Amino acid sequence: MITAEGENRTAIGFSQIIMWLIDNFGDYKRVLEGIHANLHSFQWTGSLIPYYNRNIACFKQLLTHQNVQVRDWAKTCLELEEKDLKQELGNEEFDVMHYNL
């Protein structure tokens, strides 16, 4: 879902195809909702913190998009991703304290 640079795979934003969809169909709520829903259809092992941080970086880039509907959607998604990140940080903190991981 995101493009990356170098060996460290640093998140730099949404892929070109996703940006094309957002740029051309950002007026359609179902398209935007579909993109966000697909970001959360996966299986994962290990910490989710890097995953949420990548998503946050992607949505932050959309806060200045020319389409106001995209900006509003990005703001909502950003708030949700930050909420999920905060919860995951708490979960990991609990695991460290409770299970000494």
C-alpha atoms as a PDB file:
ATOM      1  CA  MET A   1       0.000   0.000   0.000  1.00  0.00           C
ATOM      2  CA  ILE A   2       2.954   2.303   0.479  1.00  0.00           C
ATOM      3  CA  THR A   3       6.038   2.957  -1.552  1.00  0.00           C
ATOM      4  CA  ALA A   4       9.428   2.639   0.062  1.00  0.00           C
ATOM      5  CA  GLU A   5      13.022   3.730  -0.414  1.00  0.00           C
ATOM      6  CA  GLY A   6      16.283   1.898   0.120  1.00  0.00           C
ATOM      7  CA  GLU A   7      17.091  -1.151   2.154  1.00  0.00           C
ATOM      8  CA  ASN A   8      15.475   0.255   5.304  1.00  0.00           C
ATOM      9  CA  ARG A   9      12.076   0.341   3.573  1.00  0.00           C
ATOM     10  CA  THR A  10      11.231   3.774   4.951  1.00  0.00           C
ATOM     11  CA  ALA A  11       7.623   4.781   4.275  1.00  0.00           C
ATOM     12  CA  ILE A  12       7.326   7.774   1.991  1.00  0.00           C
ATOM     13  CA  GLY A  13       3.633   7.690   1.117  1.00  0.00           C
ATOM     14  CA  PHE A  14       0.876   5.887  -0.694  1.00  0.00           C
ATOM     15  CA  SER A  15       1.725   4.074  -3.911  1.00  0.00           C
ATOM     16  CA  GLN A  16       1.208   5.784  -7.262  1.00  0.00           C
ATOM     17  CA  ILE A  17      -1.919   3.730  -8.023  1.00  0.00           C
ATOM     18  CA  ILE A  18      -3.521   4.644  -4.698  1.00  0.00           C
ATOM     19  CA  MET A  19      -2.677   8.314  -5.257  1.00  0.00           C
ATOM     20  CA  TRP A  20      -4.191   8.100  -8.742  1.00  0.00           C
ATOM     21  CA  LEU A  21      -7.382   6.641  -7.263  1.00  0.00           C
ATOM     22  CA  ILE A  22      -7.486   9.343  -4.590  1.00  0.00           C
ATOM     23  CA  ASP A  23      -6.768  12.131  -7.083  1.00  0.00           C
ATOM     24  CA  ASN A  24      -9.336  10.934  -9.614  1.00  0.00           C
ATOM     25  CA  PHE A  25     -12.032   9.456  -7.385  1.00  0.00           C
ATOM     26  CA  GLY A  26     -11.567  11.333  -4.104  1.00  0.00           C
ATOM     27  CA  ASP A  27     -15.085  12.742  -4.434  1.00  0.00           C
ATOM     28  CA  TYR A  28     -16.509   9.253  -4.002  1.00  0.00           C
ATOM     29  CA  LYS A  29     -16.879   8.314  -0.351  1.00  0.00           C
ATOM     30  CA  ARG A  30     -17.004   4.591  -1.173  1.00  0.00           C
ATOM     31  CA  VAL A  31     -13.620   4.742  -2.891  1.00  0.00           C
ATOM     32  CA  LEU A  32     -11.991   6.450   0.083  1.00  0.00           C
ATOM     33  CA  GLU A  33     -13.681   4.102   2.551  1.00  0.00           C
ATOM     34  CA  GLY A  34     -12.540   1.139   0.469  1.00  0.00           C
ATOM     35  CA  ILE A  35      -8.937   2.295   0.583  1.00  0.00           C
ATOM     36  CA  HIS A  36      -9.031   2.678   4.352  1.00  0.00           C
ATOM     37  CA  ALA A  37     -10.811  -0.652   4.815  1.00  0.00           C
ATOM     38  CA  ASN A  38      -8.192  -2.434   2.718  1.00  0.00           C
ATOM     39  CA  LEU A  39      -5.446  -0.996   4.890  1.00  0.00           C
ATOM     40  CA  HIS A  40      -6.894  -3.043   7.744  1.00  0.00           C
ATOM     41  CA  SER A  41      -7.397  -6.366   5.983  1.00  0.00           C
ATOM     42  CA  PHE A  42      -4.236  -8.266   6.813  1.00  0.00           C
ATOM     43  CA  GLN A  43      -2.576 -10.681   9.174  1.00  0.00           C
ATOM     44  CA  TRP A  44       0.399  -9.575  11.194  1.00  0.00           C
ATOM     45  CA  THR A  45       2.883 -10.984  13.643  1.00  0.00           C
ATOM     46  CA  GLY A  46       4.978  -8.891  15.951  1.00  0.00           C
ATOM     47  CA  SER A  47       4.513  -5.266  16.827  1.00  0.00           C
ATOM     48  CA  LEU A  48       1.864  -3.264  14.989  1.00  0.00           C
ATOM     49  CA  ILE A  49       3.532   0.004  15.937  1.00  0.00           C
ATOM     50  CA  PRO A  50       5.586   0.301  12.713  1.00  0.00           C
ATOM     51  CA  TYR A  51       2.445  -0.464  10.686  1.00  0.00           C
ATOM     52  CA  TYR A  52       0.448   2.327  12.333  1.00  0.00           C
ATOM     53  CA  ASN A  53       3.368   4.748  12.036  1.00  0.00           C
ATOM     54  CA  ARG A  54       3.566   4.096   8.280  1.00  0.00           C
ATOM     55  CA  ASN A  55      -0.167   4.668   7.878  1.00  0.00           C
ATOM     56  CA  ILE A  56       0.044   7.879   9.902  1.00  0.00           C
ATOM     57  CA  ALA A  57       2.845   9.151   7.645  1.00  0.00           C
ATOM     58  CA  CYS A  58       0.753   8.389   4.551  1.00  0.00           C
ATOM     59  CA  PHE A  59      -2.381  10.123   5.810  1.00  0.00           C
ATOM     60  CA  LYS A  60      -0.422  13.180   6.975  1.00  0.00           C
ATOM     61  CA  GLN A  61       0.652  13.745   3.379  1.00  0.00           C
ATOM     62  CA  LEU A  62      -3.004  13.967   2.352  1.00  0.00           C
ATOM     63  CA  LEU A  63      -3.841  16.749   4.805  1.00  0.00           C
ATOM     64  CA  THR A  64      -2.873  19.288   2.143  1.00  0.00           C
ATOM     65  CA  HIS A  65      -4.584  17.557  -0.798  1.00  0.00           C
ATOM     66  CA  GLN A  66      -6.385  19.884  -3.222  1.00  0.00           C
ATOM     67  CA  ASN A  67      -9.705  18.066  -2.678  1.00  0.00           C
ATOM     68  CA  VAL A  68     -11.409  19.095   0.570  1.00  0.00           C
ATOM     69  CA  GLN A  69     -13.201  15.727   0.811  1.00  0.00           C
ATOM     70  CA  VAL A  70      -9.850  13.935   0.665  1.00  0.00           C
ATOM     71  CA  ARG A  71      -8.424  16.253   3.325  1.00  0.00           C
ATOM     72  CA  ASP A  72     -11.405  15.609   5.627  1.00  0.00           C
ATOM     73  CA  TRP A  73     -11.178  11.861   5.042  1.00  0.00           C
ATOM     74  CA  ALA A  74      -7.421  11.892   5.682  1.00  0.00           C
ATOM     75  CA  LYS A  75      -7.947  13.792   8.941  1.00  0.00           C
ATOM     76  CA  THR A  76     -10.521  11.243  10.113  1.00  0.00           C
ATOM     77  CA  CYS A  77      -8.303   8.318   9.118  1.00  0.00           C
ATOM     78  CA  LEU A  78      -5.310   9.935  10.789  1.00  0.00           C
ATOM     79  CA  GLU A  79      -7.243  10.261  14.043  1.00  0.00           C
ATOM     80  CA  LEU A  80      -8.241   6.589  13.847  1.00  0.00           C
ATOM     81  CA  GLU A  81      -4.682   5.460  13.115  1.00  0.00           C
ATOM     82  CA  GLU A  82      -3.338   7.537  16.009  1.00  0.00           C
ATOM     83  CA  LYS A  83      -5.982   6.048  18.312  1.00  0.00           C
ATOM     84  CA  ASP A  84      -5.023   2.522  17.192  1.00  0.00           C
ATOM     85  CA  LEU A  85      -1.334   3.342  17.694  1.00  0.00           C
ATOM     86  CA  LYS A  86      -1.984   4.602  21.215  1.00  0.00           C
ATOM     87  CA  GLN A  87      -3.903   1.423  22.028  1.00  0.00           C
ATOM     88  CA  GLU A  88      -1.136  -0.763  20.611  1.00  0.00           C
ATOM     89  CA  LEU A  89       1.483   1.112  22.630  1.00  0.00           C
ATOM     90  CA  GLY A  90      -0.588   0.379  25.743  1.00  0.00           C
ATOM     91  CA  ASN A  91      -0.940  -3.280  24.770  1.00  0.00           C
ATOM     92  CA  GLU A  92       2.798  -3.646  24.320  1.00  0.00           C
ATOM     93  CA  GLU A  93       3.481  -1.878  27.597  1.00  0.00           C
ATOM     94  CA  PHE A  94       1.092  -4.281  29.350  1.00  0.00           C
ATOM     95  CA  ASP A  95       2.766  -7.293  27.717  1.00  0.00           C
ATOM     96  CA  VAL A  96       6.186  -6.098  28.895  1.00  0.00           C
ATOM     97  CA  MET A  97       4.953  -5.599  32.457  1.00  0.00           C
ATOM     98  CA  HIS A  98       2.776  -8.703  32.663  1.00  0.00           C
ATOM     99  CA  TYR A  99       4.740 -11.239  30.637  1.00  0.00           C
ATOM    100  CA  ASN A 100       8.195  -9.663  30.961  1.00  0.00           C
ATOM    101  CA  LEU A 101       8.596  -9.684  27.160  1.00  0.00           C
END
